[in-house]
Structure formats: structure tokens, C-alpha cells
Amino acid sequence: MLDPFGRRISYLRVSVTDRCDLRCVYCMAEDMTFLPKKELLTLEELERLCGAFIDLGVERIRLTGGEPLVRRGVMQLFQGLGRRIGGGGGLQELTVTTNGTQLTKMADDLFRAGVRRINVSMDTLDPAAFAAVTRWGKLDQTLDGIFAAKAAGLDVKINAVALRGVNEHEYDRMIAWCGEHGFDLTLIETMPMGDISGDRTDQYLPLSAVRRRIAERWTLLPSEHRTGGPARYDTVAETGRRLGFITPMTHNFCESCNRVRLTCTGTLYMCLGQEDAADLRAPLRDPSVGDAGLRDAILSAIARKPKGHDFVIGRDARPSVGRHMSVTGG
């Protein structure tokens, strides 16, 4: 499955819900109005749609939210997709991005379903700062989930959004902590996404400057490691762990983009930095459209994938783009 610029589309990010049990300030408004249930794809619809993408060549699927693990019955979807891993099923990897709050209950089930690595969003190791960023989250709950995932056999990568005035003084501490516990760490530039309003300029922290600062304390060795996502990695010589950078603002990764994103309502975003999107819910729910027609709708959308994004930080940012999807990724 190739886009108009010859890029092979092999990675699908799927938001399974717009709901979350936290309200991170860069992602959601405090007083959210969530979608009515009838607008969301059912778990069966999500599995069918993911199956169509797999049949067209998608090899990696990442389930996201909102917080994906708060959706009732979501393990049904993990189990269904997990059966497509290996053995001619077409899927190479099934992963998840989570805030960690549900992992003490679900880590073992995720491993049994075929998940082998997860991303956990945690922007700070300071309990007060964590509560402020998430508005009411408890750091210990996320930490307990992280260590439950490790105990279950899952490889854990920590995702942290770089926020000026919030966590910019913590990166050395987080690198050391991840090294101590055997986790990789990825830093992410804040993006004009999420269901919030207002100017984010005061939060924006360019990772080019962050990397230079980190390199004064740590030895960063270039790494060829890739996970299929947008992160570019160094190896921290002192810890042996990887440090990733996702830089949609200072150094975009459009030339190698292999990803599309599906919302919980069946809207396919070929690029989060552009307004264009395709409605896949209509053909999915049309009884006269079979599997071939659904695949045609997907291919038609991929044919519109643009060359690159045009994210903007500041008053002209468009926070509506990417609604019903988590801001963190990689």
C-alpha cells in the first residue's frame, strides 16, 4: 500500500475511545464532553477495519485513546488482533500507548493477547507536577502500572511531552531513572493537537535545544534503532538505554512517514498536520459495501496522503486537528 510519494504505509494508529481517566493539560479540557456511544465504532467494527488495513499491508498497529484501557471490553479487540500476529496473519506487532493507570489490572492480559511492548505517558517523576499536568492523576498509580507491565514481561518505553516551565529541569533525573529500571525514554515536542483551546506558545520547548543540554551531561551515541514510529534514537552510553526524540516542529519526519491514524469514530487522518480526512464509518456500516468496497475506500484515502505536515505553534495553531486521538505517540 503506497501513497502518492512512494512511501509504504505499514503502520496504523487506532484510537479506540475519546475518553480518558486523566485530563492532561496539553491534550484535554478539564470539563470534557465526550461523544455519544452511537458515534463510536464498536469493537467488532474496529477489528474488521483493522483487518482490512492488515490485508492491505499494514504490519504494525498501535491502539491509543483517549486512554485505550478504559474502554469496556477492549481486551476483546487486543485478543482478536493478537490472533493476526505471525502465522500468516499479516500482523507483525500490536502495541499500545497508555497512561498506565489500568496496567496493574491488565498487563498480564495484554501479554497473553500478544502485546510485547508498550508506551507509557509520564511527563514527570514529581508527584505534585504530575498531579498538575494530569489535573488529578496520582503518580504512584502510574508507577505501579509501569512495574506491573515490566513484571508481566512487557518492554516499557516512557513517553514524556517536553513542557517549558513544567518538566524541563527533570530530564537528567528521568534518564537516570529509566536507566536504573531498564526503560527507554522518548521526549516529544508539544503539538497543536488535542481537544483544548488557546495559545500553547508558552509550553513549547524545542527538542533541538533540549538535546544539546542533555548532551552536556550524558554521552549520546547515534542509534539506528527504529520502532516503525517517528522517534529518532540515541543510546545513552552511561545507562545503555535508548533516548528518543519526536520532533514534529523543529525537524519533521514527513519524508519517511509510514503512518495513518484512525479515530474511534472511523475517521482516517492521512496526516495530522492537514485538515483532510476520510470517513470510513459510512462504508463500514453500509450493508451494500463488502470487504472489497471497504478496501477501495481505504486505498482512495491513502491516495490523498500529503507530502508533509504544517503544524503551527502559537495563535494560528489548529487544535481541532487530531481530535479523539491522544497527543503522545511514537
C-alpha atoms as a PDB file:
ATOM      1  CA  MET A   1       0.000   0.000   0.000  1.00  0.00           C
ATOM      2  CA  LEU A   2       1.842   3.048  -1.321  1.00  0.00           C
ATOM      3  CA  ASP A   3       0.961   6.722  -1.014  1.00  0.00           C
ATOM      4  CA  PRO A   4       1.384   9.205  -3.900  1.00  0.00           C
ATOM      5  CA  PHE A   5       5.029   9.799  -2.907  1.00  0.00           C
ATOM      6  CA  GLY A   6       6.042   6.151  -2.893  1.00  0.00           C
ATOM      7  CA  ARG A   7       6.018   5.756   0.890  1.00  0.00           C
ATOM      8  CA  ARG A   8       4.857   2.346   2.053  1.00  0.00           C
ATOM      9  CA  ILE A   9       2.052   2.623   4.606  1.00  0.00           C
ATOM     10  CA  SER A  10       2.687  -0.123   7.128  1.00  0.00           C
ATOM     11  CA  TYR A  11       1.738   1.418  10.492  1.00  0.00           C
ATOM     12  CA  LEU A  12      -1.771   2.196  11.754  1.00  0.00           C
ATOM     13  CA  ARG A  13      -2.539   4.058  14.964  1.00  0.00           C
ATOM     14  CA  VAL A  14      -6.078   3.430  16.177  1.00  0.00           C
ATOM     15  CA  SER A  15      -7.898   5.487  18.788  1.00  0.00           C
ATOM     16  CA  VAL A  16     -10.380   3.126  20.432  1.00  0.00           C
ATOM     17  CA  THR A  17     -12.049   5.787  22.609  1.00  0.00           C
ATOM     18  CA  ASP A  18     -12.123   9.527  23.176  1.00  0.00           C
ATOM     19  CA  ARG A  19     -12.449   9.008  26.933  1.00  0.00           C
ATOM     20  CA  CYS A  20      -9.649   9.198  29.467  1.00  0.00           C
ATOM     21  CA  ASP A  21      -9.409   8.977  33.239  1.00  0.00           C
ATOM     22  CA  LEU A  22      -6.906  11.871  33.278  1.00  0.00           C
ATOM     23  CA  ARG A  23      -7.066  15.382  31.796  1.00  0.00           C
ATOM     24  CA  CYS A  24      -3.537  16.257  30.709  1.00  0.00           C
ATOM     25  CA  VAL A  25      -3.343  19.988  30.096  1.00  0.00           C
ATOM     26  CA  TYR A  26      -1.859  19.639  26.593  1.00  0.00           C
ATOM     27  CA  CYS A  27      -4.423  17.053  25.490  1.00  0.00           C
ATOM     28  CA  MET A  28      -7.871  17.622  27.012  1.00  0.00           C
ATOM     29  CA  ALA A  29     -10.001  20.329  28.529  1.00  0.00           C
ATOM     30  CA  GLU A  30     -10.828  19.831  32.190  1.00  0.00           C
ATOM     31  CA  ASP A  31     -14.580  19.742  31.557  1.00  0.00           C
ATOM     32  CA  MET A  32     -14.853  17.385  28.593  1.00  0.00           C
ATOM     33  CA  THR A  33     -17.992  16.489  26.667  1.00  0.00           C
ATOM     34  CA  PHE A  34     -17.455  13.029  25.232  1.00  0.00           C
ATOM     35  CA  LEU A  35     -19.008  11.507  22.160  1.00  0.00           C
ATOM     36  CA  PRO A  36     -22.299   9.631  22.326  1.00  0.00           C
ATOM     37  CA  LYS A  37     -21.815   5.880  22.150  1.00  0.00           C
ATOM     38  CA  LYS A  38     -23.582   5.528  18.778  1.00  0.00           C
ATOM     39  CA  GLU A  39     -20.898   7.634  17.083  1.00  0.00           C
ATOM     40  CA  LEU A  40     -18.100   5.324  18.190  1.00  0.00           C
ATOM     41  CA  LEU A  41     -17.165   2.269  16.222  1.00  0.00           C
ATOM     42  CA  THR A  42     -17.966  -0.949  18.039  1.00  0.00           C
ATOM     43  CA  LEU A  43     -15.100  -3.237  18.957  1.00  0.00           C
ATOM     44  CA  GLU A  44     -16.235  -5.583  16.204  1.00  0.00           C
ATOM     45  CA  GLU A  45     -16.171  -2.740  13.683  1.00  0.00           C
ATOM     46  CA  LEU A  46     -12.725  -1.697  14.812  1.00  0.00           C
ATOM     47  CA  GLU A  47     -11.444  -5.250  14.399  1.00  0.00           C
ATOM     48  CA  ARG A  48     -12.951  -5.543  10.924  1.00  0.00           C
ATOM     49  CA  LEU A  49     -11.470  -2.222   9.857  1.00  0.00           C
ATOM     50  CA  CYS A  50      -8.051  -3.087  11.283  1.00  0.00           C
ATOM     51  CA  GLY A  51      -8.278  -6.403   9.445  1.00  0.00           C
ATOM     52  CA  ALA A  52      -8.840  -4.575   6.171  1.00  0.00           C
ATOM     53  CA  PHE A  53      -5.708  -2.497   6.778  1.00  0.00           C
ATOM     54  CA  ILE A  54      -3.716  -5.638   7.595  1.00  0.00           C
ATOM     55  CA  ASP A  55      -4.888  -7.258   4.368  1.00  0.00           C
ATOM     56  CA  LEU A  56      -3.617  -4.174   2.515  1.00  0.00           C
ATOM     57  CA  GLY A  57      -0.151  -4.413   4.054  1.00  0.00           C
ATOM     58  CA  VAL A  58      -0.236  -2.784   7.481  1.00  0.00           C
ATOM     59  CA  GLU A  59       2.196  -4.686   9.693  1.00  0.00           C
ATOM     60  CA  ARG A  60       2.081  -2.702  12.933  1.00  0.00           C
ATOM     61  CA  ILE A  61      -0.951  -1.478  14.848  1.00  0.00           C
ATOM     62  CA  ARG A  62      -0.850   0.711  17.946  1.00  0.00           C
ATOM     63  CA  LEU A  63      -4.018   1.154  19.995  1.00  0.00           C
ATOM     64  CA  THR A  64      -4.417   4.549  21.637  1.00  0.00           C
ATOM     65  CA  GLY A  65      -7.137   6.809  23.029  1.00  0.00           C
ATOM     66  CA  GLY A  66      -8.026   8.849  24.951  1.00  0.00           C
ATOM     67  CA  GLU A  67      -6.916   6.152  27.316  1.00  0.00           C
ATOM     68  CA  PRO A  68      -7.474   2.885  25.437  1.00  0.00           C
ATOM     69  CA  LEU A  69      -7.573   0.656  28.507  1.00  0.00           C
ATOM     70  CA  VAL A  70     -10.627   2.405  29.976  1.00  0.00           C
ATOM     71  CA  ARG A  71     -12.846   1.243  27.119  1.00  0.00           C
ATOM     72  CA  ARG A  72     -15.115  -1.523  28.353  1.00  0.00           C
ATOM     73  CA  GLY A  73     -14.300  -4.888  26.819  1.00  0.00           C
ATOM     74  CA  VAL A  74     -11.221  -3.589  24.958  1.00  0.00           C
ATOM     75  CA  MET A  75      -9.311  -6.817  25.634  1.00  0.00           C
ATOM     76  CA  GLN A  76     -11.633  -8.422  23.073  1.00  0.00           C
ATOM     77  CA  LEU A  77     -10.024  -6.203  20.430  1.00  0.00           C
ATOM     78  CA  PHE A  78      -6.493  -6.923  21.642  1.00  0.00           C
ATOM     79  CA  GLN A  79      -7.207 -10.652  21.550  1.00  0.00           C
ATOM     80  CA  GLY A  80      -8.754 -10.511  18.082  1.00  0.00           C
ATOM     81  CA  LEU A  81      -5.860  -8.546  16.613  1.00  0.00           C
ATOM     82  CA  GLY A  82      -3.343 -10.622  18.523  1.00  0.00           C
ATOM     83  CA  ARG A  83      -4.521 -13.676  16.631  1.00  0.00           C
ATOM     84  CA  ARG A  84      -3.311 -11.981  13.438  1.00  0.00           C
ATOM     85  CA  ILE A  85       0.297 -11.798  14.703  1.00  0.00           C
ATOM     86  CA  GLY A  86       2.575 -14.232  12.879  1.00  0.00           C
ATOM     87  CA  GLY A  87       1.453 -17.494  11.358  1.00  0.00           C
ATOM     88  CA  GLY A  88       0.432 -15.856   8.106  1.00  0.00           C
ATOM     89  CA  GLY A  89      -1.968 -13.458   9.837  1.00  0.00           C
ATOM     90  CA  GLY A  90      -0.172 -10.465   8.358  1.00  0.00           C
ATOM     91  CA  LEU A  91       0.441  -8.501  11.551  1.00  0.00           C
ATOM     92  CA  GLN A  92       3.960  -8.250  12.931  1.00  0.00           C
ATOM     93  CA  GLU A  93       3.312  -6.223  16.056  1.00  0.00           C
ATOM     94  CA  LEU A  94       0.475  -4.992  18.242  1.00  0.00           C
ATOM     95  CA  THR A  95       1.319  -2.250  20.726  1.00  0.00           C
ATOM     96  CA  VAL A  96      -0.461   0.235  22.964  1.00  0.00           C
ATOM     97  CA  THR A  97       0.086   3.740  24.316  1.00  0.00           C
ATOM     98  CA  THR A  98      -1.385   4.184  27.785  1.00  0.00           C
ATOM     99  CA  ASN A  99      -1.191   6.455  30.810  1.00  0.00           C
ATOM    100  CA  GLY A 100      -0.550   3.375  32.940  1.00  0.00           C
ATOM    101  CA  THR A 101      -3.480   3.724  35.344  1.00  0.00           C
ATOM    102  CA  GLN A 102      -5.056   0.399  34.323  1.00  0.00           C
ATOM    103  CA  LEU A 103      -1.918  -1.671  33.920  1.00  0.00           C
ATOM    104  CA  THR A 104      -1.950  -3.281  37.353  1.00  0.00           C
ATOM    105  CA  LYS A 105      -5.189  -4.967  36.263  1.00  0.00           C
ATOM    106  CA  MET A 106      -4.467  -5.532  32.582  1.00  0.00           C
ATOM    107  CA  ALA A 107      -0.729  -6.021  31.986  1.00  0.00           C
ATOM    108  CA  ASP A 108      -0.861  -9.822  32.166  1.00  0.00           C
ATOM    109  CA  ASP A 109      -3.843  -9.953  29.807  1.00  0.00           C
ATOM    110  CA  LEU A 110      -2.067  -7.681  27.330  1.00  0.00           C
ATOM    111  CA  PHE A 111       0.923 -10.005  27.273  1.00  0.00           C
ATOM    112  CA  ARG A 112      -1.299 -13.044  26.792  1.00  0.00           C
ATOM    113  CA  ALA A 113      -3.024 -11.267  23.883  1.00  0.00           C
ATOM    114  CA  GLY A 114       0.287 -10.887  22.057  1.00  0.00           C
ATOM    115  CA  VAL A 115       1.431  -7.398  23.085  1.00  0.00           C
ATOM    116  CA  ARG A 116       5.165  -7.346  23.780  1.00  0.00           C
ATOM    117  CA  ARG A 117       5.957  -3.659  24.216  1.00  0.00           C
ATOM    118  CA  ILE A 118       4.046  -0.637  25.421  1.00  0.00           C
ATOM    119  CA  ASN A 119       4.473   3.114  25.667  1.00  0.00           C
ATOM    120  CA  VAL A 120       3.509   4.752  28.945  1.00  0.00           C
ATOM    121  CA  SER A 121       2.887   8.505  29.013  1.00  0.00           C
ATOM    122  CA  MET A 122       4.546  10.020  32.093  1.00  0.00           C
ATOM    123  CA  ASP A 123       5.832  13.575  31.863  1.00  0.00           C
ATOM    124  CA  THR A 124       7.383  13.915  35.302  1.00  0.00           C
ATOM    125  CA  LEU A 125       8.598  11.971  38.326  1.00  0.00           C
ATOM    126  CA  ASP A 126       7.447  14.701  40.712  1.00  0.00           C
ATOM    127  CA  PRO A 127       4.087  13.803  42.321  1.00  0.00           C
ATOM    128  CA  ALA A 128       2.911  17.421  42.579  1.00  0.00           C
ATOM    129  CA  ALA A 129       3.882  18.244  38.999  1.00  0.00           C
ATOM    130  CA  PHE A 130       2.260  15.017  37.807  1.00  0.00           C
ATOM    131  CA  ALA A 131      -0.997  15.951  39.539  1.00  0.00           C
ATOM    132  CA  ALA A 132      -0.849  19.418  37.981  1.00  0.00           C
ATOM    133  CA  VAL A 133      -0.155  18.197  34.418  1.00  0.00           C
ATOM    134  CA  THR A 134      -2.833  15.481  34.586  1.00  0.00           C
ATOM    135  CA  ARG A 135      -5.134  17.680  36.722  1.00  0.00           C
ATOM    136  CA  TRP A 136      -5.884  14.880  39.188  1.00  0.00           C
ATOM    137  CA  GLY A 137      -3.624  11.917  38.450  1.00  0.00           C
ATOM    138  CA  LYS A 138      -1.663  10.061  41.106  1.00  0.00           C
ATOM    139  CA  LEU A 139       1.936   9.333  40.157  1.00  0.00           C
ATOM    140  CA  ASP A 140       2.065   6.188  42.298  1.00  0.00           C
ATOM    141  CA  GLN A 141      -0.802   4.656  40.317  1.00  0.00           C
ATOM    142  CA  THR A 142       1.078   5.105  37.050  1.00  0.00           C
ATOM    143  CA  LEU A 143       4.352   3.861  38.567  1.00  0.00           C
ATOM    144  CA  ASP A 144       2.600   0.764  39.938  1.00  0.00           C
ATOM    145  CA  GLY A 145       1.237   0.135  36.441  1.00  0.00           C
ATOM    146  CA  ILE A 146       4.668   0.526  34.861  1.00  0.00           C
ATOM    147  CA  PHE A 147       6.228  -2.015  37.195  1.00  0.00           C
ATOM    148  CA  ALA A 148       3.274  -4.383  36.730  1.00  0.00           C
ATOM    149  CA  ALA A 149       3.903  -4.221  32.989  1.00  0.00           C
ATOM    150  CA  LYS A 150       7.592  -4.958  33.491  1.00  0.00           C
ATOM    151  CA  ALA A 151       6.730  -7.920  35.731  1.00  0.00           C
ATOM    152  CA  ALA A 152       4.343  -9.238  33.066  1.00  0.00           C
ATOM    153  CA  GLY A 153       7.199  -9.345  30.551  1.00  0.00           C
ATOM    154  CA  LEU A 154       6.323  -6.226  28.570  1.00  0.00           C
ATOM    155  CA  ASP A 155       9.060  -3.928  27.284  1.00  0.00           C
ATOM    156  CA  VAL A 156       8.241  -0.442  28.569  1.00  0.00           C
ATOM    157  CA  LYS A 157       9.100   2.851  26.933  1.00  0.00           C
ATOM    158  CA  ILE A 158       8.316   6.079  28.756  1.00  0.00           C
ATOM    159  CA  ASN A 159       6.912   8.951  26.681  1.00  0.00           C
ATOM    160  CA  ALA A 160       7.293  12.462  28.091  1.00  0.00           C
ATOM    161  CA  VAL A 161       5.985  15.615  26.435  1.00  0.00           C
ATOM    162  CA  ALA A 162       8.561  18.374  26.787  1.00  0.00           C
ATOM    163  CA  LEU A 163       6.871  21.287  28.540  1.00  0.00           C
ATOM    164  CA  ARG A 164       8.587  24.576  29.231  1.00  0.00           C
ATOM    165  CA  GLY A 165       8.391  25.524  32.888  1.00  0.00           C
ATOM    166  CA  VAL A 166       6.992  22.138  33.877  1.00  0.00           C
ATOM    167  CA  ASN A 167       9.500  19.334  33.370  1.00  0.00           C
ATOM    168  CA  GLU A 168      12.492  20.852  31.565  1.00  0.00           C
ATOM    169  CA  HIS A 169      14.593  20.521  34.733  1.00  0.00           C
ATOM    170  CA  GLU A 170      13.816  16.801  35.103  1.00  0.00           C
ATOM    171  CA  TYR A 171      15.311  15.181  32.031  1.00  0.00           C
ATOM    172  CA  ASP A 172      18.554  14.149  33.730  1.00  0.00           C
ATOM    173  CA  ARG A 173      16.550  12.572  36.532  1.00  0.00           C
ATOM    174  CA  MET A 174      14.259  10.755  34.111  1.00  0.00           C
ATOM    175  CA  ILE A 175      17.172   9.442  32.036  1.00  0.00           C
ATOM    176  CA  ALA A 176      18.824   8.091  35.182  1.00  0.00           C
ATOM    177  CA  TRP A 177      15.558   6.579  36.471  1.00  0.00           C
ATOM    178  CA  CYS A 178      14.833   4.872  33.159  1.00  0.00           C
ATOM    179  CA  GLY A 179      18.375   3.543  33.073  1.00  0.00           C
ATOM    180  CA  GLU A 180      18.026   2.154  36.600  1.00  0.00           C
ATOM    181  CA  HIS A 181      14.831   0.272  35.742  1.00  0.00           C
ATOM    182  CA  GLY A 182      15.608  -0.805  32.185  1.00  0.00           C
ATOM    183  CA  PHE A 183      13.252   1.501  30.279  1.00  0.00           C
ATOM    184  CA  ASP A 184      13.796   3.558  27.154  1.00  0.00           C
ATOM    185  CA  LEU A 185      12.655   7.192  27.183  1.00  0.00           C
ATOM    186  CA  THR A 186      11.239   9.324  24.380  1.00  0.00           C
ATOM    187  CA  LEU A 187      10.797  13.088  24.597  1.00  0.00           C
ATOM    188  CA  ILE A 188       8.057  14.639  22.456  1.00  0.00           C
ATOM    189  CA  GLU A 189       7.617  18.220  21.303  1.00  0.00           C
ATOM    190  CA  THR A 190       4.207  19.619  22.193  1.00  0.00           C
ATOM    191  CA  MET A 191       1.958  19.745  19.130  1.00  0.00           C
ATOM    192  CA  PRO A 192      -1.150  21.752  18.178  1.00  0.00           C
ATOM    193  CA  MET A 193      -3.442  18.783  18.749  1.00  0.00           C
ATOM    194  CA  GLY A 194      -5.933  17.622  21.319  1.00  0.00           C
ATOM    195  CA  ASP A 195      -9.309  18.874  22.434  1.00  0.00           C
ATOM    196  CA  ILE A 196      -8.193  22.107  24.084  1.00  0.00           C
ATOM    197  CA  SER A 197      -8.155  25.740  23.064  1.00  0.00           C
ATOM    198  CA  GLY A 198      -5.720  28.593  23.496  1.00  0.00           C
ATOM    199  CA  ASP A 199      -2.180  29.549  22.619  1.00  0.00           C
ATOM    200  CA  ARG A 200       0.421  26.904  23.521  1.00  0.00           C
ATOM    201  CA  THR A 201       3.462  29.037  22.797  1.00  0.00           C
ATOM    202  CA  ASP A 202       4.368  29.270  26.486  1.00  0.00           C
ATOM    203  CA  GLN A 203       4.526  25.439  26.726  1.00  0.00           C
ATOM    204  CA  TYR A 204       6.590  24.841  23.604  1.00  0.00           C
ATOM    205  CA  LEU A 205      10.147  23.614  24.137  1.00  0.00           C
ATOM    206  CA  PRO A 206      12.264  22.809  21.046  1.00  0.00           C
ATOM    207  CA  LEU A 207      13.944  19.441  21.429  1.00  0.00           C
ATOM    208  CA  SER A 208      16.973  20.598  19.459  1.00  0.00           C
ATOM    209  CA  ALA A 209      17.876  22.768  22.463  1.00  0.00           C
ATOM    210  CA  VAL A 210      16.908  20.022  24.929  1.00  0.00           C
ATOM    211  CA  ARG A 211      19.188  17.518  23.210  1.00  0.00           C
ATOM    212  CA  ARG A 212      22.134  19.921  23.352  1.00  0.00           C
ATOM    213  CA  ARG A 213      21.560  20.431  27.059  1.00  0.00           C
ATOM    214  CA  ILE A 214      21.280  16.689  27.727  1.00  0.00           C
ATOM    215  CA  ALA A 215      24.490  16.047  25.768  1.00  0.00           C
ATOM    216  CA  GLU A 216      26.384  18.217  28.266  1.00  0.00           C
ATOM    217  CA  ARG A 217      25.643  15.644  30.995  1.00  0.00           C
ATOM    218  CA  TRP A 218      25.246  12.358  29.091  1.00  0.00           C
ATOM    219  CA  THR A 219      27.121  10.661  26.252  1.00  0.00           C
ATOM    220  CA  LEU A 220      24.663  10.297  23.376  1.00  0.00           C
ATOM    221  CA  LEU A 221      25.634   7.772  20.722  1.00  0.00           C
ATOM    222  CA  PRO A 222      23.695   7.752  17.438  1.00  0.00           C
ATOM    223  CA  SER A 223      21.483   4.682  17.079  1.00  0.00           C
ATOM    224  CA  GLU A 224      19.949   3.052  14.030  1.00  0.00           C
ATOM    225  CA  HIS A 225      17.155   1.623  16.188  1.00  0.00           C
ATOM    226  CA  ARG A 226      13.664   2.104  14.715  1.00  0.00           C
ATOM    227  CA  THR A 227      10.280   1.021  16.008  1.00  0.00           C
ATOM    228  CA  GLY A 228       8.207   1.993  12.975  1.00  0.00           C
ATOM    229  CA  GLY A 229       7.200   5.273  14.605  1.00  0.00           C
ATOM    230  CA  PRO A 230       8.550   8.809  14.220  1.00  0.00           C
ATOM    231  CA  ALA A 231      11.119   8.760  17.043  1.00  0.00           C
ATOM    232  CA  ARG A 232      14.833   9.038  16.277  1.00  0.00           C
ATOM    233  CA  TYR A 233      17.073   7.472  18.896  1.00  0.00           C
ATOM    234  CA  ASP A 234      20.402   7.859  20.614  1.00  0.00           C
ATOM    235  CA  THR A 235      21.905   5.372  23.030  1.00  0.00           C
ATOM    236  CA  VAL A 236      22.857   6.834  26.411  1.00  0.00           C
ATOM    237  CA  ALA A 237      26.304   5.356  26.977  1.00  0.00           C
ATOM    238  CA  GLU A 238      26.146   5.665  30.770  1.00  0.00           C
ATOM    239  CA  THR A 239      22.886   3.673  31.069  1.00  0.00           C
ATOM    240  CA  GLY A 240      22.813   1.540  27.928  1.00  0.00           C
ATOM    241  CA  ARG A 241      19.214   2.608  27.287  1.00  0.00           C
ATOM    242  CA  ARG A 242      17.814   4.480  24.316  1.00  0.00           C
ATOM    243  CA  LEU A 243      16.700   8.106  24.331  1.00  0.00           C
ATOM    244  CA  GLY A 244      14.246   9.041  21.591  1.00  0.00           C
ATOM    245  CA  PHE A 245      13.194  12.408  20.213  1.00  0.00           C
ATOM    246  CA  ILE A 246       9.938  13.095  18.363  1.00  0.00           C
ATOM    247  CA  THR A 247      10.298  16.492  16.710  1.00  0.00           C
ATOM    248  CA  PRO A 248       7.276  17.416  14.561  1.00  0.00           C
ATOM    249  CA  MET A 249       8.039  21.114  14.952  1.00  0.00           C
ATOM    250  CA  THR A 250      11.836  21.552  14.751  1.00  0.00           C
ATOM    251  CA  HIS A 251      12.661  18.658  12.402  1.00  0.00           C
ATOM    252  CA  ASN A 252       9.706  16.932  10.837  1.00  0.00           C
ATOM    253  CA  PHE A 253       9.834  13.301   9.798  1.00  0.00           C
ATOM    254  CA  CYS A 254       7.495  13.523   6.825  1.00  0.00           C
ATOM    255  CA  GLU A 255       9.927  12.119   4.265  1.00  0.00           C
ATOM    256  CA  SER A 256       9.781   8.690   5.915  1.00  0.00           C
ATOM    257  CA  CYS A 257       6.181   8.776   7.158  1.00  0.00           C
ATOM    258  CA  ASN A 258       4.646   5.309   7.041  1.00  0.00           C
ATOM    259  CA  ARG A 259       1.650   6.054   9.268  1.00  0.00           C
ATOM    260  CA  VAL A 260      -2.028   6.887   9.180  1.00  0.00           C
ATOM    261  CA  ARG A 261      -4.364   7.398  12.132  1.00  0.00           C
ATOM    262  CA  LEU A 262      -7.881   6.147  12.650  1.00  0.00           C
ATOM    263  CA  THR A 263     -10.169   7.778  15.199  1.00  0.00           C
ATOM    264  CA  CYS A 264     -12.724   5.981  17.325  1.00  0.00           C
ATOM    265  CA  THR A 265     -15.441   7.389  15.053  1.00  0.00           C
ATOM    266  CA  GLY A 266     -13.964   5.837  11.916  1.00  0.00           C
ATOM    267  CA  THR A 267     -12.304   8.976  10.549  1.00  0.00           C
ATOM    268  CA  LEU A 268      -8.969   8.328   8.898  1.00  0.00           C
ATOM    269  CA  TYR A 269      -6.352  11.070   9.103  1.00  0.00           C
ATOM    270  CA  MET A 270      -3.703  10.588   6.456  1.00  0.00           C
ATOM    271  CA  CYS A 271      -1.670  13.368   8.135  1.00  0.00           C
ATOM    272  CA  LEU A 272      -2.348  15.071  11.461  1.00  0.00           C
ATOM    273  CA  GLY A 273      -0.923  18.346  10.207  1.00  0.00           C
ATOM    274  CA  GLN A 274      -3.524  18.644   7.460  1.00  0.00           C
ATOM    275  CA  GLU A 275      -7.301  19.025   7.596  1.00  0.00           C
ATOM    276  CA  ASP A 276      -8.071  16.340   5.020  1.00  0.00           C
ATOM    277  CA  ALA A 277      -9.630  13.157   6.378  1.00  0.00           C
ATOM    278  CA  ALA A 278     -11.678  10.231   5.111  1.00  0.00           C
ATOM    279  CA  ASP A 279     -14.878   8.852   6.601  1.00  0.00           C
ATOM    280  CA  LEU A 280     -14.567   5.068   6.836  1.00  0.00           C
ATOM    281  CA  ARG A 281     -17.531   4.611   9.163  1.00  0.00           C
ATOM    282  CA  ALA A 282     -20.050   5.117   6.343  1.00  0.00           C
ATOM    283  CA  PRO A 283     -18.729   2.314   4.092  1.00  0.00           C
ATOM    284  CA  LEU A 284     -18.093   0.162   7.153  1.00  0.00           C
ATOM    285  CA  ARG A 285     -21.743   0.389   8.210  1.00  0.00           C
ATOM    286  CA  ASP A 286     -23.262   0.277   4.718  1.00  0.00           C
ATOM    287  CA  PRO A 287     -24.594  -3.270   4.233  1.00  0.00           C
ATOM    288  CA  SER A 288     -24.213  -2.904   0.467  1.00  0.00           C
ATOM    289  CA  VAL A 289     -20.447  -2.305   0.787  1.00  0.00           C
ATOM    290  CA  GLY A 290     -18.499  -5.517   1.209  1.00  0.00           C
ATOM    291  CA  ASP A 291     -14.890  -6.075   2.167  1.00  0.00           C
ATOM    292  CA  ALA A 292     -13.695  -5.158  -1.329  1.00  0.00           C
ATOM    293  CA  GLY A 293     -15.558  -1.847  -1.162  1.00  0.00           C
ATOM    294  CA  LEU A 294     -14.061  -1.119   2.260  1.00  0.00           C
ATOM    295  CA  ARG A 295     -10.565  -1.764   0.948  1.00  0.00           C
ATOM    296  CA  ASP A 296     -11.284   0.533  -2.005  1.00  0.00           C
ATOM    297  CA  ALA A 297     -12.310   3.303   0.421  1.00  0.00           C
ATOM    298  CA  ILE A 298      -9.042   2.878   2.325  1.00  0.00           C
ATOM    299  CA  LEU A 299      -6.946   2.940  -0.848  1.00  0.00           C
ATOM    300  CA  SER A 300      -8.775   6.052  -2.048  1.00  0.00           C
ATOM    301  CA  ALA A 301      -7.879   7.778   1.217  1.00  0.00           C
ATOM    302  CA  ILE A 302      -4.226   6.720   1.070  1.00  0.00           C
ATOM    303  CA  ALA A 303      -4.062   8.206  -2.441  1.00  0.00           C
ATOM    304  CA  ARG A 304      -4.719  11.605  -0.814  1.00  0.00           C
ATOM    305  CA  LYS A 305      -1.930  11.395   1.774  1.00  0.00           C
ATOM    306  CA  PRO A 306       0.025  14.678   1.537  1.00  0.00           C
ATOM    307  CA  LYS A 307       3.766  15.061   1.310  1.00  0.00           C
ATOM    308  CA  GLY A 308       4.097  16.675   4.737  1.00  0.00           C
ATOM    309  CA  HIS A 309       2.513  18.470   7.653  1.00  0.00           C
ATOM    310  CA  ASP A 310       2.371  22.130   8.580  1.00  0.00           C
ATOM    311  CA  PHE A 311       1.959  22.240  12.343  1.00  0.00           C
ATOM    312  CA  VAL A 312       1.936  25.748  13.820  1.00  0.00           C
ATOM    313  CA  ILE A 313       2.699  26.797  17.387  1.00  0.00           C
ATOM    314  CA  GLY A 314       1.005  29.956  18.570  1.00  0.00           C
ATOM    315  CA  ARG A 315      -2.180  31.828  17.926  1.00  0.00           C
ATOM    316  CA  ASP A 316      -2.680  30.256  14.495  1.00  0.00           C
ATOM    317  CA  ALA A 317      -2.481  26.685  15.776  1.00  0.00           C
ATOM    318  CA  ARG A 318      -5.387  24.404  14.914  1.00  0.00           C
ATOM    319  CA  PRO A 319      -6.129  22.291  17.980  1.00  0.00           C
ATOM    320  CA  SER A 320      -9.127  20.606  16.370  1.00  0.00           C
ATOM    321  CA  VAL A 321      -6.898  18.521  14.107  1.00  0.00           C
ATOM    322  CA  GLY A 322      -6.487  15.046  15.545  1.00  0.00           C
ATOM    323  CA  ARG A 323      -9.448  15.224  17.907  1.00  0.00           C
ATOM    324  CA  HIS A 324     -10.332  11.921  19.577  1.00  0.00           C
ATOM    325  CA  MET A 325      -6.697  10.816  19.469  1.00  0.00           C
ATOM    326  CA  SER A 326      -4.013  11.003  22.113  1.00  0.00           C
ATOM    327  CA  VAL A 327      -1.285  13.605  21.665  1.00  0.00           C
ATOM    328  CA  THR A 328       1.548  11.283  22.744  1.00  0.00           C
ATOM    329  CA  GLY A 329       2.859   8.662  20.444  1.00  0.00           C
ATOM    330  CA  GLY A 330       5.894   7.003  18.919  1.00  0.00           C
END
